[in-house]
Each structure stands twice: as structure tokens, then as C-alpha cells.
Protein backbone atom coordinates (compact mmCIF):
# COMPACT_ATOMS: atom_id res chain seq x y z
CA MET A 1 0.00 0.00 0.00
CA ALA A 2 1.24 3.52 -0.83
CA SER A 3 2.51 5.63 2.06
CA LEU A 4 0.40 8.44 3.48
CA LYS A 5 2.76 11.03 2.04
CA ASP A 6 2.52 9.54 -1.48
CA VAL A 7 -1.29 9.50 -1.37
CA GLN A 8 -1.39 13.03 0.01
CA MET A 9 0.87 14.28 -2.80
CA LYS A 10 -1.38 12.59 -5.39
CA ILE A 11 -4.43 14.29 -3.89
CA GLN A 12 -2.71 17.68 -4.04
CA GLY A 13 -1.67 17.05 -7.65
CA VAL A 14 -5.19 16.10 -8.73
CA LYS A 15 -6.61 19.18 -6.94
CA LYS A 16 -4.24 21.42 -8.92
CA THR A 17 -5.27 19.67 -12.14
CA SER A 18 -8.91 20.23 -11.20
CA GLN A 19 -8.26 23.95 -10.75
CA ILE A 20 -6.67 24.11 -14.21
CA THR A 21 -9.54 22.23 -15.92
CA LYS A 22 -12.11 24.39 -14.15
CA ALA A 23 -10.33 27.57 -15.30
CA MET A 24 -10.14 26.21 -18.88
CA ASN A 25 -13.85 25.42 -18.75
CA MET A 26 -14.62 29.02 -17.78
CA VAL A 27 -12.35 30.40 -20.52
CA ALA A 28 -13.96 28.11 -23.12
CA ALA A 29 -17.43 29.21 -21.98
CA ALA A 30 -16.48 32.87 -22.37
CA LYS A 31 -14.99 32.29 -25.84
CA LEU A 32 -18.01 30.20 -26.85
CA ARG A 33 -20.36 33.13 -26.22
CA GLY A 34 -18.39 35.30 -28.63
CA ALA A 35 -17.99 32.59 -31.29
CA GLN A 36 -21.65 31.59 -31.06
CA GLN A 37 -22.72 35.22 -31.40
CA ARG A 38 -20.58 35.67 -34.54
CA MET A 39 -22.01 32.49 -36.03
CA GLU A 40 -25.63 33.42 -35.27
CA ASP A 41 -25.15 36.96 -36.59
CA PHE A 42 -23.76 35.63 -39.88
CA ARG A 43 -26.39 32.93 -40.46
CA PRO A 44 -29.22 35.28 -41.66
CA TYR A 45 -26.86 36.90 -44.18
CA ALA A 46 -25.68 33.51 -45.44
CA ASP A 47 -29.27 32.19 -45.69
CA GLN A 48 -30.48 35.28 -47.59
CA PHE A 49 -27.45 35.08 -49.87
CA ASN A 50 -28.27 31.45 -50.58
CA ASP A 51 -31.91 32.34 -51.36
CA ALA A 52 -30.79 34.97 -53.87
CA MET A 53 -28.36 32.55 -55.51
CA THR A 54 -31.09 29.93 -55.73
CA SER A 55 -33.47 32.40 -57.35
CA MET A 56 -30.95 33.41 -60.02
CA SER A 57 -29.21 30.13 -60.77
CA GLY A 58 -32.23 27.83 -60.85
CA SER A 59 -33.09 28.64 -64.45
CA MET A 60 -29.59 29.37 -65.78
CA GLU A 61 -27.35 27.33 -68.01
CA THR A 62 -24.47 26.14 -65.84
CA SER A 63 -22.11 25.99 -68.83
CA LEU A 64 -22.08 29.81 -68.89
CA PHE A 65 -20.09 29.93 -65.65
CA PRO A 66 -16.77 28.10 -65.17
CA LEU A 67 -17.33 27.69 -61.42
CA MET A 68 -20.56 25.79 -62.16
CA GLU A 69 -19.07 23.50 -64.77
CA VAL A 70 -19.89 19.85 -64.08
CA ARG A 71 -17.37 17.43 -65.53
CA GLU A 72 -16.29 13.84 -65.11
CA VAL A 73 -14.80 13.48 -61.65
CA ASN A 74 -11.29 12.06 -61.73
CA SER A 75 -9.78 14.08 -58.90
CA VAL A 76 -11.33 15.44 -55.71
CA GLU A 77 -9.96 17.97 -53.26
CA LEU A 78 -11.04 17.95 -49.61
CA ILE A 79 -10.83 21.15 -47.58
CA VAL A 80 -10.58 19.83 -44.01
CA VAL A 81 -11.38 22.48 -41.37
CA THR A 82 -10.26 21.66 -37.81
CA SER A 83 -9.17 23.65 -34.77
CA ASP A 84 -5.63 24.81 -34.01
CA ARG A 85 -5.70 23.66 -30.39
CA GLY A 86 -6.56 20.39 -28.69
CA LEU A 87 -8.10 19.55 -25.32
CA CYS A 88 -11.57 19.56 -26.90
CA GLY A 89 -12.44 15.90 -26.55
CA SER A 90 -12.98 13.89 -29.72
CA PHE A 91 -14.12 16.90 -31.78
CA ASN A 92 -11.10 16.99 -34.12
CA ALA A 93 -10.78 13.20 -34.19
CA HIS A 94 -14.31 12.84 -35.62
CA ILE A 95 -13.57 15.37 -38.39
CA LEU A 96 -10.28 13.65 -39.26
CA LYS A 97 -11.86 10.20 -39.35
CA THR A 98 -14.68 11.49 -41.58
CA ALA A 99 -12.10 12.98 -43.99
CA GLU A 100 -10.11 9.74 -43.90
CA ARG A 101 -13.22 7.71 -44.78
CA GLN A 102 -13.96 10.09 -47.65
CA MET A 103 -10.41 9.63 -48.94
CA ALA A 104 -10.60 5.84 -48.72
CA ARG A 105 -13.96 5.70 -50.51
CA LEU A 106 -12.85 8.04 -53.31
CA GLU A 107 -9.60 6.16 -53.84
CA GLU A 108 -11.51 2.88 -54.04
CA GLU A 109 -13.48 4.46 -56.87
CA GLY A 110 -10.20 5.21 -58.66
CA LYS A 111 -10.19 8.96 -58.00
CA THR A 112 -7.17 11.06 -57.04
CA VAL A 113 -7.50 12.88 -53.71
CA SER A 114 -5.68 16.00 -52.52
CA LEU A 115 -6.10 17.88 -49.25
CA VAL A 116 -6.23 21.48 -48.10
CA CYS A 117 -5.92 21.62 -44.30
CA VAL A 118 -7.34 24.62 -42.46
CA GLY A 119 -6.24 24.41 -38.83
CA LYS A 120 -3.15 22.97 -37.17
CA LYS A 121 -4.71 19.68 -36.05
CA GLY A 122 -5.73 18.62 -39.55
CA ASN A 123 -2.35 19.53 -41.00
CA ALA A 124 -0.46 17.64 -38.26
CA TYR A 125 -2.56 14.53 -38.86
CA PHE A 126 -2.60 14.43 -42.67
CA LYS A 127 0.94 15.52 -43.49
CA LYS A 128 2.06 11.91 -42.97
CA PHE A 129 -0.15 10.88 -45.93
CA GLY A 130 1.81 13.12 -48.31
CA LYS A 131 -1.39 14.44 -49.95
CA VAL A 132 -1.63 17.90 -48.38
CA ARG A 133 -1.51 20.37 -51.27
CA LYS A 134 -1.75 23.42 -49.06
CA SER A 135 -2.16 24.09 -45.35
CA TYR A 136 -3.30 27.05 -43.25
CA PRO A 137 -2.17 26.37 -39.66
CA ASP A 138 -2.53 28.87 -36.78
CA LEU A 139 -5.52 30.45 -38.51
CA MET A 140 -8.64 29.35 -36.63
CA GLY A 141 -7.99 31.46 -33.54
CA THR A 142 -8.16 34.85 -35.31
CA PHE A 143 -9.65 34.27 -38.77
CA GLN A 144 -11.57 36.90 -40.74
CA MET A 145 -13.45 36.95 -44.05
CA PHE A 146 -10.26 37.72 -46.01
CA ASN A 147 -8.77 34.45 -44.75
CA ALA A 148 -11.73 32.53 -46.19
CA ARG A 149 -11.36 34.50 -49.44
CA GLU A 150 -7.70 33.54 -49.74
CA ILE A 151 -8.47 29.83 -49.25
CA VAL A 152 -11.37 29.66 -51.72
CA GLN A 153 -9.52 31.70 -54.33
CA ASP A 154 -6.73 29.13 -54.26
CA ALA A 155 -9.21 26.22 -54.43
CA ALA A 156 -11.17 27.90 -57.26
CA ALA A 157 -8.00 28.58 -59.24
CA ASN A 158 -7.02 24.93 -58.88
CA PHE A 159 -10.52 23.90 -60.04
CA LEU A 160 -10.52 26.27 -63.03
CA ALA A 161 -7.06 25.05 -64.05
CA GLY A 162 -8.45 21.52 -64.26
CA GLU A 163 -6.21 20.18 -61.48
CA THR A 164 -9.28 19.00 -59.59
CA ASP A 165 -12.82 18.24 -60.73
CA GLU A 166 -14.65 18.56 -57.41
CA VAL A 167 -14.04 20.28 -54.07
CA ARG A 168 -15.68 19.26 -50.81
CA LEU A 169 -15.66 20.74 -47.31
CA VAL A 170 -15.15 18.48 -44.29
CA PHE A 171 -15.83 20.24 -40.99
CA GLY A 172 -17.48 20.10 -37.57
CA GLU A 173 -21.07 21.32 -37.67
CA TYR A 174 -22.41 23.17 -34.63
CA ILE A 175 -25.73 21.67 -33.47
CA SER A 176 -25.80 22.82 -29.85
CA VAL A 177 -23.47 23.29 -26.89
CA ALA A 178 -23.79 19.57 -26.19
CA ALA A 179 -23.67 18.29 -29.77
CA GLN A 180 -21.22 18.85 -32.64
CA ARG A 181 -21.03 16.46 -35.55
CA PRO A 182 -18.74 16.06 -38.57
CA ALA A 183 -20.26 17.07 -41.90
CA VAL A 184 -19.32 16.96 -45.60
CA LYS A 185 -20.56 19.61 -48.03
CA ALA A 186 -19.88 20.15 -51.74
CA LEU A 187 -18.14 23.45 -52.55
CA LEU A 188 -17.26 23.17 -56.26
CA PRO A 189 -18.72 23.01 -58.79
CA ILE A 190 -21.50 25.26 -57.50
CA GLN A 191 -24.77 23.48 -58.18
CA PRO A 192 -28.14 25.29 -58.27
CA LEU A 193 -31.29 23.70 -56.91
CA ALA A 194 -33.33 22.27 -59.72
CA GLY A 195 -36.98 22.20 -60.64
CA ASP A 196 -39.56 22.02 -57.86
CA GLU A 197 -36.94 22.33 -55.13
CA ALA A 198 -35.71 25.66 -56.48
CA ALA A 199 -39.27 26.92 -56.92
CA ALA A 200 -40.10 26.00 -53.34
CA GLU A 201 -37.00 27.80 -52.02
CA VAL A 202 -37.82 30.95 -53.96
CA ALA A 203 -41.47 30.86 -52.88
CA GLU A 204 -40.41 30.56 -49.26
CA GLY A 205 -37.80 33.30 -49.40
CA GLY A 206 -39.66 35.69 -51.72
CA ASP A 207 -38.95 36.74 -55.30
CA PHE A 208 -36.22 39.19 -56.32
CA ILE A 209 -35.86 41.89 -58.97
CA TYR A 210 -32.31 42.15 -60.36
CA GLU A 211 -30.50 45.06 -61.98
CA PRO A 212 -28.35 44.55 -64.05
CA SER A 213 -29.13 41.16 -65.54
CA PRO A 214 -28.84 37.98 -63.42
CA THR A 215 -26.01 36.74 -65.67
CA GLU A 216 -23.87 39.81 -64.95
CA ILE A 217 -24.63 39.57 -61.24
CA MET A 218 -23.75 35.89 -61.16
CA ASP A 219 -20.27 36.60 -62.51
CA VAL A 220 -19.64 38.74 -59.43
CA LEU A 221 -21.58 36.74 -56.84
CA LEU A 222 -20.26 33.24 -57.55
CA PRO A 223 -16.80 33.89 -56.04
CA LEU A 224 -18.42 35.76 -53.16
CA TYR A 225 -20.74 32.81 -52.61
CA LEU A 226 -17.72 30.56 -52.09
CA ASN A 227 -16.32 33.04 -49.54
CA VAL A 228 -19.60 33.04 -47.65
CA MET A 229 -19.82 29.25 -47.60
CA LEU A 230 -16.29 28.74 -46.27
CA TYR A 231 -16.51 31.59 -43.75
CA ARG A 232 -19.74 30.12 -42.38
CA VAL A 233 -18.04 26.72 -42.05
CA MET A 234 -15.12 28.30 -40.19
CA LEU A 235 -17.55 30.01 -37.81
CA GLU A 236 -19.28 26.68 -37.20
CA VAL A 237 -15.95 24.98 -36.42
CA SER A 238 -14.89 27.80 -34.09
CA ALA A 239 -18.10 27.62 -32.07
CA SER A 240 -18.01 23.80 -32.06
CA GLU A 241 -14.40 23.80 -30.83
CA HIS A 242 -15.17 25.98 -27.80
CA ALA A 243 -18.35 24.03 -26.99
CA ALA A 244 -16.45 20.72 -27.20
CA ARG A 245 -13.61 22.06 -25.04
CA MET A 246 -16.07 23.36 -22.46
CA SER A 247 -17.71 19.93 -22.22
CA ALA A 248 -14.34 18.14 -22.14
CA MET A 249 -13.00 20.34 -19.34
CA ASP A 250 -16.24 19.93 -17.38
CA ASN A 251 -15.92 16.15 -17.69
CA ALA A 252 -12.26 16.38 -16.66
CA THR A 253 -13.16 18.44 -13.57
CA ASN A 254 -15.79 15.88 -12.58
CA ALA A 255 -13.29 13.07 -13.13
CA CYS A 256 -10.81 14.88 -10.86
CA ALA A 257 -13.45 15.10 -8.16
CA ASP A 258 -14.05 11.33 -8.44
CA ILE A 259 -10.30 10.62 -8.26
CA ILE A 260 -9.93 12.87 -5.22
CA SER A 261 -12.77 11.01 -3.48
CA SER A 262 -11.14 7.67 -4.28
CA LEU A 263 -7.70 8.83 -3.12
CA THR A 264 -9.17 10.33 0.06
CA LEU A 265 -10.74 6.97 0.87
CA ILE A 266 -7.37 5.25 0.30
CA TYR A 267 -5.67 7.89 2.46
CA ASN A 268 -8.15 7.44 5.29
CA LYS A 269 -7.79 3.65 5.15
CA ALA A 270 -4.00 3.89 5.21
CA ARG A 271 -4.12 6.40 8.06
CA GLN A 272 -6.53 4.20 10.02
CA ALA A 273 -4.31 1.17 9.45
CA GLY A 274 -1.29 3.13 10.67
CA ILE A 275 -3.12 4.30 13.79
CA THR A 276 -4.32 0.76 14.49
CA ALA A 277 -0.77 -0.58 14.13
CA GLU A 278 0.57 2.09 16.51
CA LEU A 279 -2.15 1.31 19.07
CA MET A 280 -1.35 -2.38 18.86
CA ASP A 281 2.34 -1.58 19.44
CA ILE A 282 1.46 0.56 22.47
CA VAL A 283 -0.88 -2.08 23.90
CA GLY A 284 1.70 -4.79 23.24
CA GLY A 285 4.38 -2.74 24.99
CA ALA A 286 2.14 -2.08 27.98
CA GLU A 287 1.32 -5.75 28.29
CA ALA A 288 5.00 -6.62 28.11
CA LEU A 289 5.77 -4.16 30.92
CA LYS A 290 3.04 -5.71 33.07
CA GLY A 291 4.56 -9.13 32.50
């Protein structure tokens, strides 16, 4: 059995760890409020933008716009968006495993796969595969819209040059503080809703009057649409990261409390055994003196 001093030192160490995890939980909660507010403020703009794009592109010929060109898929690029920092439970692991499954499935179909990693965790994991075309580490803590623009401009240029035939986003979708799930979304080519689905979207969001012509507007809005899509994904990942870290640190604090209770019980048992042994020595000595 461990000595009293060893057990006491373990208890003190776990208490210090508990203080750290509790502080990290509070920091994550504070950051989550800001990230969640940014995400919720951007969602109406992104939804209205999507409605306008649906209204214009539903009846257009996709061959008029290079970013909407559908061709035979021989190569696919995955833009994997993760966090820069860890200690957020299995949040990043789920995104990475989803991207890995996508890679395996596409390669089984005979397609070439390349990766663009946004966030340090994704880059650290996938660089061993040798398929990372470009990486953006140390970005997710302080990203802005121009960061999303830089990433999608590079991906769009690669698509227009014919180096890749399809681009997909792999990221962590924010459902609630308690739930974040990995998701995959097509980025390029941009595909309009067709037929009844497009009509239903337009009817729900209202009709639009465009000046100048929709074709001229589309030339300007298509690149901006890519920026909006990626920036929204980055906001989702940021909020999901802080929510996952808050939950992970809360679980760690509770685990520390359980460990402290267990160690305290061991300490008390060891202390009681020591006291009992000392009493037996005293009683034995007294009996020997009487003899």
C-alpha cells in the first residue's frame, strides 16, 4: 500500500489539475459566447445570400459559368477544417476520421484525392499521408473573411485550371453546446437547386428583382458565394471547438473530483491502518511491561 505522504501528494496534484480544468472550462465558456454570437449573426446573411443565388441560378445554363461546370470526376480535393488547439475531446478526431473515410472511398473508386488543411490539427494529422496540397495552420484562432477568401480563391484557381474536378468541405457542424457532428458539403462546382426544389426555395424566401441582368450579377456573386460558404463553415468549427472544449473540461473536472474522493478513501484507510498498528504496538508494549 502507498505511504500516506505519497497518497497526500497525489491528492494535491489532482486538486491542482482540477483547478486548471475548471479555469479552462470558464475560458472556453467565455470564448463560446463570442464565437456563437458571430455564427448566429452571420447565419441570416448567409441564408439570404443562398436564397438569392437559388433564385438566379435555378433557371440558368451552368455551362455559362466556369465555377458551375460539371465534368467527369477524376480528382477530388477535400478542404478539411479543424481547430488549431486540442483539449476539446474527440471533436477533431471525428472530423479527421470522416475525412479519412472520404479519402478511402474516393480512392476505391479510382479517384485522385488532394487535401487542403485549415487548422493545425488537420495539418499535423494528414501531413504523414503526403497528400496535403496546401495548409493554413494557426488560422482558426483569429480568422476573418479575407482568410476565407484567400483559401477559396486558391481552391477555385485549382478547379478552373483543371487540377481537380470537385471540391468538398469536411468540418465540424455546430448543433448545440452539447452536440457537434462532422459534416461533408460540396463546394465546387456550384450546383443550383433544380426544378420544384428551387421553386419551393424561392417561394419561401420571396422573389427578387435584379438590376443589371442575373447573368452579370452571377459573374460577381459566384466567387463571393464561395467566400460566404467557407466563412460560415469556419464560424461553425470555431463555435463547435469551444463548446467541445467546455464539455471536455467539465468532464475532466468531474473526473478529478471522483479521483480525489477515491484517493481520500485510500488515504483514510492507510491512516486508520497506521493508527491501528501504533495502538497495537502501544498495547503490546504495555502488556510486556506488566509481564
